[in-house]
Amino acid sequence: MGVSLKDVAGLAGVSIKTVSNVVNNYQHVTPAMRARVQAAIDELGYVPNLTARHLRKGRTGILALAVPELGNPYFAELAGAVIDAAAEHDYTVLLDHTRGEREQEILVSQGFRGRVIDGLILSPIELEAEDLRSRSHDAPLVLLGEREYDLPYDHIAIDNVAASRRAVRHLIGLGRTRIAYLGARTDRINFPAQLRLRGWRDELTAAGLPAPDTLVAPTSGWDRGDGAQAMAWLLDSGQRPDAVFAYNDLVAVGAMRVLSERGLRVPWDVAVVGFDDIAEGRFGAVTLTTVSPDKQSIARLAVESVIGGLQGPEKGAETGPDRRSEQPADGPAGRELIAEFRLVERESTLGRR
């Protein structure tokens, strides 16, 4: 028979309620009492029954995370951060892959796994506000990314325009004047791409540099092959840049491959900046300068917000800049929580030192 709360309480010489308070990490336990109970837990090898704990609260102990592309390293790394953040609250995470398709995003948001999950963290691409207005499922929903819906759901993002301007400003500071943008999608409207393109254009304009459409390379996706095709298209068009700002790190990696094949040296002939700070960019032959969103902060804010939604409207994430949206007609205002970012400078702009 397994070790019970009663066994721990007997060894520690305290009540079962006190042991429960320690196991559930309630704050109102003195450090001495917590240490005493923890010593008994360690000695007996007591392991809490998390399933039973969640069921007593009418919950499953499972959160869902739905992202567009699990094969994209950024979303894979973000998923790992969400899983870690959820584990700190004794939650398991169920992963879903929407492919960025509106129909699949609607299906996920409407709670087709409603009997399985306690809450949903969703990174939408094509989902529209009207799709969420008709949402009847009562599990808490938290949105990730740059789509602004003006609806009663917490929304977590970084400032893509400011981040893009920071990347371009770095290139300008290195004396680059013909800075191209790789990653303007041609097959769908995508808000992060539009915001990053706007940041590119705004920073060049502010510096008095040209931002012609001829230096904007379209892509049909955001993988390495898309970056390679975009870079080749730009070079073949006769519009050779002296720097590239790529939509993401995968596009940047593909671009650097083509630059190498064409005999152009990174960063001496063409400097390159990516976005996302995935592991691949840290270990290439030329390490990649990149905008690094704080994935751990995004994950923590998302998990705290969705769990807070289970406890009441005022129990969401406690930290992070909060730009509360105007209250919509169909419910209380959701919060816009802004995570931090930083520019990580590496060899693709600075050279090897």
Protein backbone atom coordinates (compact mmCIF):
# COMPACT_ATOMS: atom_id res chain seq x y z
CA MET A 1 0.00 0.00 0.00
CA GLY A 2 1.27 3.47 -0.85
CA VAL A 3 2.20 6.16 1.62
CA SER A 4 -0.72 8.43 2.57
CA LEU A 5 -1.10 11.94 3.95
CA LYS A 6 -2.00 10.30 7.27
CA ASP A 7 1.33 8.47 7.33
CA VAL A 8 3.24 11.71 6.70
CA ALA A 9 1.21 13.55 9.33
CA GLY A 10 1.91 10.81 11.90
CA LEU A 11 5.66 10.89 11.31
CA ALA A 12 5.81 14.69 11.34
CA GLY A 13 3.51 14.97 14.37
CA VAL A 14 1.14 17.39 12.63
CA SER A 15 -2.39 17.33 11.31
CA ILE A 16 -3.34 15.94 7.89
CA LYS A 17 -4.49 19.46 6.97
CA THR A 18 -1.01 20.83 7.63
CA VAL A 19 0.54 18.17 5.40
CA SER A 20 -2.01 19.01 2.70
CA ASN A 21 -1.12 22.70 2.97
CA VAL A 22 2.56 21.90 2.46
CA VAL A 23 1.91 19.52 -0.45
CA ASN A 24 -0.30 22.10 -2.14
CA ASN A 25 2.30 24.83 -1.51
CA TYR A 26 -0.05 27.09 0.40
CA GLN A 27 1.71 30.21 1.65
CA HIS A 28 0.42 30.30 5.21
CA VAL A 29 2.80 27.66 6.59
CA THR A 30 5.83 28.66 8.64
CA PRO A 31 9.24 27.77 7.18
CA ALA A 32 10.00 25.54 10.18
CA MET A 33 6.74 23.63 9.82
CA ARG A 34 7.24 23.29 6.07
CA ALA A 35 10.73 21.87 6.60
CA ARG A 36 9.42 19.42 9.22
CA VAL A 37 6.69 18.11 6.93
CA GLN A 38 9.02 17.98 3.92
CA ALA A 39 11.50 15.89 5.92
CA ALA A 40 8.72 13.38 6.65
CA ILE A 41 7.67 13.37 2.99
CA ASP A 42 11.26 12.67 1.91
CA GLU A 43 11.77 9.94 4.50
CA LEU A 44 8.58 8.09 3.55
CA GLY A 45 8.87 8.73 -0.18
CA TYR A 46 5.38 10.18 -0.36
CA VAL A 47 4.24 11.11 -3.89
CA PRO A 48 1.07 13.25 -4.23
CA ASN A 49 -1.75 11.81 -6.34
CA LEU A 50 -2.09 14.73 -8.76
CA THR A 51 -4.96 13.14 -10.66
CA ALA A 52 -7.04 12.77 -7.52
CA ARG A 53 -6.17 16.32 -6.49
CA HIS A 54 -7.41 17.77 -9.79
CA LEU A 55 -10.53 15.59 -9.83
CA ARG A 56 -11.51 16.81 -6.37
CA LYS A 57 -11.55 20.31 -7.89
CA GLY A 58 -13.59 19.14 -10.87
CA ARG A 59 -10.60 19.42 -13.23
CA THR A 60 -8.54 17.09 -15.36
CA GLY A 61 -5.10 18.59 -14.70
CA ILE A 62 -4.49 19.00 -18.44
CA LEU A 63 -3.93 22.18 -20.44
CA ALA A 64 -3.84 22.28 -24.24
CA LEU A 65 -1.33 24.22 -26.33
CA ALA A 66 -2.24 24.65 -30.01
CA VAL A 67 0.43 26.04 -32.35
CA PRO A 68 0.65 26.40 -36.15
CA GLU A 69 3.77 24.31 -36.75
CA LEU A 70 5.28 21.83 -34.33
CA GLY A 71 8.08 21.27 -36.85
CA ASN A 72 9.15 24.90 -36.51
CA PRO A 73 11.92 25.03 -33.88
CA TYR A 74 10.52 28.25 -32.39
CA PHE A 75 7.20 26.58 -31.56
CA ALA A 76 8.95 23.42 -30.41
CA GLU A 77 11.07 25.45 -27.99
CA LEU A 78 8.03 27.46 -26.86
CA ALA A 79 6.12 24.22 -26.28
CA GLY A 80 8.95 22.95 -24.08
CA ALA A 81 8.82 26.18 -22.06
CA VAL A 82 5.03 25.89 -21.66
CA ILE A 83 5.35 22.27 -20.51
CA ASP A 84 7.94 23.31 -17.91
CA ALA A 85 5.84 26.25 -16.71
CA ALA A 86 2.72 24.07 -16.44
CA ALA A 87 4.61 21.40 -14.50
CA GLU A 88 5.37 23.97 -11.81
CA HIS A 89 1.59 24.09 -11.24
CA ASP A 90 1.20 20.29 -11.48
CA TYR A 91 -0.41 20.45 -14.92
CA THR A 92 0.24 18.29 -17.96
CA VAL A 93 0.18 19.82 -21.46
CA LEU A 94 -1.57 18.33 -24.50
CA LEU A 95 -0.09 19.58 -27.79
CA ASP A 96 -2.15 20.33 -30.89
CA HIS A 97 -0.99 21.25 -34.40
CA THR A 98 -3.31 23.56 -36.40
CA ARG A 99 -1.13 24.09 -39.50
CA GLY A 100 -2.22 27.74 -39.27
CA GLU A 101 -5.55 26.85 -40.92
CA ARG A 102 -8.67 28.72 -39.90
CA GLU A 103 -10.90 25.64 -39.83
CA GLN A 104 -8.56 23.81 -37.48
CA GLU A 105 -8.11 26.88 -35.28
CA ILE A 106 -11.90 27.21 -35.00
CA LEU A 107 -12.20 23.54 -34.07
CA VAL A 108 -9.58 23.88 -31.36
CA SER A 109 -10.94 27.16 -29.98
CA GLN A 110 -14.49 25.84 -29.80
CA GLY A 111 -13.43 23.14 -27.39
CA PHE A 112 -13.52 19.90 -29.33
CA ARG A 113 -11.33 18.52 -26.53
CA GLY A 114 -13.49 20.25 -23.93
CA ARG A 115 -14.00 17.20 -21.74
CA VAL A 116 -10.27 16.54 -21.63
CA ILE A 117 -8.71 19.92 -20.91
CA ASP A 118 -9.04 22.59 -18.24
CA GLY A 119 -7.82 25.43 -20.44
CA LEU A 120 -6.38 26.30 -23.84
CA ILE A 121 -3.35 28.32 -24.98
CA LEU A 122 -3.75 29.06 -28.69
CA SER A 123 -1.37 30.68 -31.18
CA PRO A 124 -3.68 31.58 -34.08
CA ILE A 125 -2.77 32.60 -37.61
CA GLU A 126 -6.04 32.92 -39.54
CA LEU A 127 -8.65 32.82 -36.78
CA GLU A 128 -11.02 35.82 -36.92
CA ALA A 129 -12.72 37.71 -34.09
CA GLU A 130 -16.12 36.49 -35.28
CA ASP A 131 -14.95 32.92 -34.78
CA LEU A 132 -14.25 33.62 -31.12
CA ARG A 133 -17.40 35.64 -30.47
CA SER A 134 -19.44 32.50 -31.03
CA ARG A 135 -17.27 30.46 -28.65
CA SER A 136 -19.49 28.67 -26.14
CA HIS A 137 -16.90 26.50 -24.39
CA ASP A 138 -16.19 27.84 -20.90
CA ALA A 139 -12.61 26.58 -20.52
CA PRO A 140 -10.24 29.56 -20.14
CA LEU A 141 -8.57 30.64 -23.39
CA VAL A 142 -5.30 32.57 -23.72
CA LEU A 143 -4.08 33.83 -27.11
CA LEU A 144 -0.46 34.07 -28.23
CA GLY A 145 0.95 36.14 -31.06
CA GLU A 146 0.23 39.40 -32.75
CA ARG A 147 -3.42 39.09 -33.73
CA GLU A 148 -5.48 41.60 -31.72
CA TYR A 149 -9.11 40.52 -31.31
CA ASP A 150 -10.52 43.02 -28.77
CA LEU A 151 -12.30 40.19 -26.99
CA PRO A 152 -12.41 38.99 -23.36
CA TYR A 153 -9.34 36.76 -23.60
CA ASP A 154 -5.85 37.47 -22.34
CA HIS A 155 -3.39 38.02 -25.19
CA ILE A 156 0.39 37.58 -24.89
CA ALA A 157 2.83 38.92 -27.47
CA ILE A 158 6.05 40.82 -28.01
CA ASP A 159 6.24 44.21 -29.70
CA ASN A 160 7.15 43.02 -33.21
CA VAL A 161 7.50 46.51 -34.66
CA ALA A 162 9.90 47.61 -31.92
CA ALA A 163 11.84 44.34 -32.17
CA SER A 164 12.21 44.69 -35.93
CA ARG A 165 13.30 48.29 -35.64
CA ARG A 166 15.93 47.23 -33.13
CA ALA A 167 17.30 44.65 -35.58
CA VAL A 168 17.43 47.13 -38.47
CA ARG A 169 18.96 49.81 -36.24
CA HIS A 170 21.78 47.39 -35.43
CA LEU A 171 22.50 46.93 -39.14
CA ILE A 172 22.38 50.67 -39.79
CA GLY A 173 24.80 51.19 -36.92
CA LEU A 174 27.24 48.90 -38.71
CA GLY A 175 27.14 51.18 -41.74
CA ARG A 176 24.76 49.08 -43.89
CA THR A 177 22.55 51.13 -46.21
CA ARG A 178 20.90 48.59 -48.56
CA ILE A 179 19.01 46.43 -46.11
CA ALA A 180 16.62 43.85 -47.56
CA TYR A 181 13.64 42.20 -45.87
CA LEU A 182 13.07 38.48 -46.49
CA GLY A 183 9.74 36.90 -45.59
CA ALA A 184 6.82 38.91 -46.98
CA ARG A 185 4.26 36.11 -47.39
CA THR A 186 2.48 35.96 -50.73
CA ASP A 187 -0.14 33.29 -49.99
CA ARG A 188 -1.88 34.60 -46.87
CA ILE A 189 -2.30 37.62 -44.64
CA ASN A 190 -0.09 37.20 -41.59
CA PHE A 191 0.10 39.80 -38.90
CA PRO A 192 3.61 39.10 -37.54
CA ALA A 193 5.01 39.37 -41.07
CA GLN A 194 3.21 42.67 -41.63
CA LEU A 195 4.41 44.05 -38.30
CA ARG A 196 8.02 43.04 -38.93
CA LEU A 197 7.90 44.52 -42.41
CA ARG A 198 6.50 47.74 -40.92
CA GLY A 199 9.33 47.86 -38.38
CA TRP A 200 11.88 47.38 -41.18
CA ARG A 201 10.35 50.19 -43.20
CA ASP A 202 9.88 52.56 -40.25
CA GLU A 203 13.49 52.26 -39.07
CA LEU A 204 14.95 52.75 -42.55
CA THR A 205 12.72 55.78 -43.10
CA ALA A 206 13.67 57.27 -39.74
CA ALA A 207 17.35 56.91 -40.69
CA GLY A 208 16.80 58.60 -44.06
CA LEU A 209 17.56 55.39 -45.96
CA PRO A 210 15.58 53.97 -48.87
CA ALA A 211 13.04 51.20 -48.21
CA PRO A 212 12.01 50.25 -51.76
CA ASP A 213 9.75 47.31 -52.55
CA THR A 214 12.60 45.95 -54.70
CA LEU A 215 14.41 45.07 -51.46
CA VAL A 216 11.42 43.14 -50.10
CA ALA A 217 11.70 39.45 -51.04
CA PRO A 218 8.40 37.54 -50.97
CA THR A 219 8.13 33.97 -49.71
CA SER A 220 5.41 31.32 -49.74
CA GLY A 221 6.54 30.01 -46.35
CA TRP A 222 9.08 30.56 -43.58
CA ASP A 223 11.37 27.57 -43.75
CA ARG A 224 15.00 27.27 -44.82
CA GLY A 225 14.06 26.54 -48.43
CA ASP A 226 11.85 29.63 -48.55
CA GLY A 227 14.74 31.77 -47.32
CA ALA A 228 17.07 30.25 -49.91
CA GLN A 229 14.60 30.92 -52.75
CA ALA A 230 13.99 34.49 -51.57
CA MET A 231 17.72 35.24 -51.36
CA ALA A 232 18.35 33.77 -54.80
CA TRP A 233 15.44 35.77 -56.25
CA LEU A 234 16.81 38.98 -54.75
CA LEU A 235 20.34 38.40 -56.08
CA ASP A 236 19.09 37.34 -59.52
CA SER A 237 16.98 40.48 -59.76
CA GLY A 238 20.12 42.59 -59.54
CA GLN A 239 19.13 44.03 -56.15
CA ARG A 240 22.12 42.94 -54.13
CA PRO A 241 21.79 44.16 -50.54
CA ASP A 242 24.59 44.73 -48.07
CA ALA A 243 22.41 43.42 -45.25
CA VAL A 244 19.34 41.21 -44.75
CA PHE A 245 16.69 41.23 -42.05
CA ALA A 246 14.84 37.91 -42.21
CA TYR A 247 11.35 37.16 -40.91
CA ASN A 248 12.74 34.33 -38.79
CA ASP A 249 15.90 32.34 -38.18
CA LEU A 250 14.95 29.57 -40.59
CA VAL A 251 14.61 32.06 -43.45
CA ALA A 252 17.94 33.59 -42.42
CA VAL A 253 19.68 30.19 -42.42
CA GLY A 254 18.42 29.48 -45.93
CA ALA A 255 19.54 32.91 -47.09
CA MET A 256 23.04 32.44 -45.68
CA ARG A 257 23.37 29.15 -47.55
CA VAL A 258 22.68 30.87 -50.88
CA LEU A 259 25.02 33.75 -50.06
CA SER A 260 27.80 31.23 -49.43
CA GLU A 261 27.04 29.40 -52.68
CA ARG A 262 27.23 32.69 -54.58
CA GLY A 263 30.62 33.52 -53.10
CA LEU A 264 29.34 36.29 -50.82
CA ARG A 265 30.80 36.40 -47.33
CA VAL A 266 28.66 36.82 -44.22
CA PRO A 267 28.94 39.38 -42.71
CA TRP A 268 31.59 41.21 -44.75
CA ASP A 269 29.63 41.31 -48.02
CA VAL A 270 26.14 40.81 -46.59
CA ALA A 271 25.23 40.96 -42.89
CA VAL A 272 22.23 38.88 -41.74
CA VAL A 273 19.81 39.19 -38.82
CA GLY A 274 17.11 36.64 -38.00
CA PHE A 275 14.25 36.45 -35.52
CA ASP A 276 13.33 33.84 -32.83
CA ASP A 277 16.76 32.79 -31.46
CA ILE A 278 16.38 29.08 -32.16
CA ALA A 279 19.18 26.68 -31.24
CA GLU A 280 20.17 26.13 -34.88
CA GLY A 281 21.31 29.73 -35.19
CA ARG A 282 23.78 29.32 -32.34
CA PHE A 283 25.73 26.46 -33.89
CA GLY A 284 26.10 27.17 -37.63
CA ALA A 285 29.41 27.77 -39.36
CA VAL A 286 28.48 31.45 -38.97
CA THR A 287 26.42 32.01 -35.82
CA LEU A 288 23.30 34.08 -36.35
CA THR A 289 22.49 37.50 -34.92
CA THR A 290 18.82 37.39 -34.00
CA VAL A 291 15.93 38.94 -32.13
CA SER A 292 15.33 36.74 -29.09
CA PRO A 293 11.79 36.75 -27.68
CA ASP A 294 11.68 35.75 -24.02
CA LYS A 295 10.06 32.33 -24.58
CA GLN A 296 10.17 31.44 -20.89
CA SER A 297 8.32 34.64 -20.01
CA ILE A 298 5.74 34.05 -22.76
CA ALA A 299 5.19 30.51 -21.49
CA ARG A 300 4.95 31.56 -17.85
CA LEU A 301 2.51 34.38 -18.59
CA ALA A 302 0.37 32.05 -20.70
CA VAL A 303 0.21 29.29 -18.10
CA GLU A 304 -0.44 31.70 -15.23
CA SER A 305 -3.18 33.42 -17.23
CA VAL A 306 -5.01 30.24 -18.17
CA ILE A 307 -4.77 28.76 -14.66
CA GLY A 308 -5.82 32.14 -13.26
CA GLY A 309 -8.89 31.92 -15.48
CA LEU A 310 -9.87 28.75 -13.62
CA GLN A 311 -9.68 30.63 -10.33
CA GLY A 312 -11.52 33.78 -11.40
CA PRO A 313 -11.12 36.83 -13.68
CA GLU A 314 -8.68 38.63 -11.38
CA LYS A 315 -6.28 35.71 -10.81
CA GLY A 316 -4.27 35.81 -14.03
CA ALA A 317 -0.60 36.42 -14.60
CA GLU A 318 0.84 38.85 -12.11
CA THR A 319 3.79 40.22 -14.07
CA GLY A 320 4.63 41.68 -17.46
CA PRO A 321 3.55 45.00 -18.97
CA ASP A 322 -0.25 45.07 -19.17
CA ARG A 323 -1.95 47.09 -21.91
CA ARG A 324 -5.61 46.45 -21.09
CA SER A 325 -7.80 46.67 -24.16
CA GLU A 326 -11.05 48.57 -24.36
CA GLN A 327 -13.92 46.52 -22.96
CA PRO A 328 -15.81 44.81 -25.79
CA ALA A 329 -19.57 44.73 -25.88
CA ASP A 330 -19.78 40.98 -25.27
CA GLY A 331 -17.69 40.61 -22.12
CA PRO A 332 -15.07 42.04 -19.78
CA ALA A 333 -11.80 43.23 -21.22
CA GLY A 334 -8.98 40.83 -21.85
CA ARG A 335 -5.42 41.86 -21.04
CA GLU A 336 -2.62 42.39 -23.49
CA LEU A 337 0.54 41.14 -21.77
CA ILE A 338 3.78 42.16 -23.47
CA ALA A 339 6.80 39.88 -23.09
CA GLU A 340 10.34 41.19 -23.43
CA PHE A 341 12.81 40.66 -26.27
CA ARG A 342 16.51 41.35 -26.83
CA LEU A 343 18.89 41.46 -29.77
CA VAL A 344 21.58 38.78 -29.57
CA GLU A 345 24.60 39.90 -31.61
CA ARG A 346 26.65 37.12 -33.21
CA GLU A 347 28.96 36.46 -36.13
CA SER A 348 26.46 37.03 -38.96
CA THR A 349 26.72 40.79 -38.31
CA LEU A 350 29.88 41.20 -36.22
CA GLY A 351 32.20 38.62 -37.76
CA ARG A 352 34.32 36.15 -35.84
CA ARG A 353 36.33 37.74 -33.07
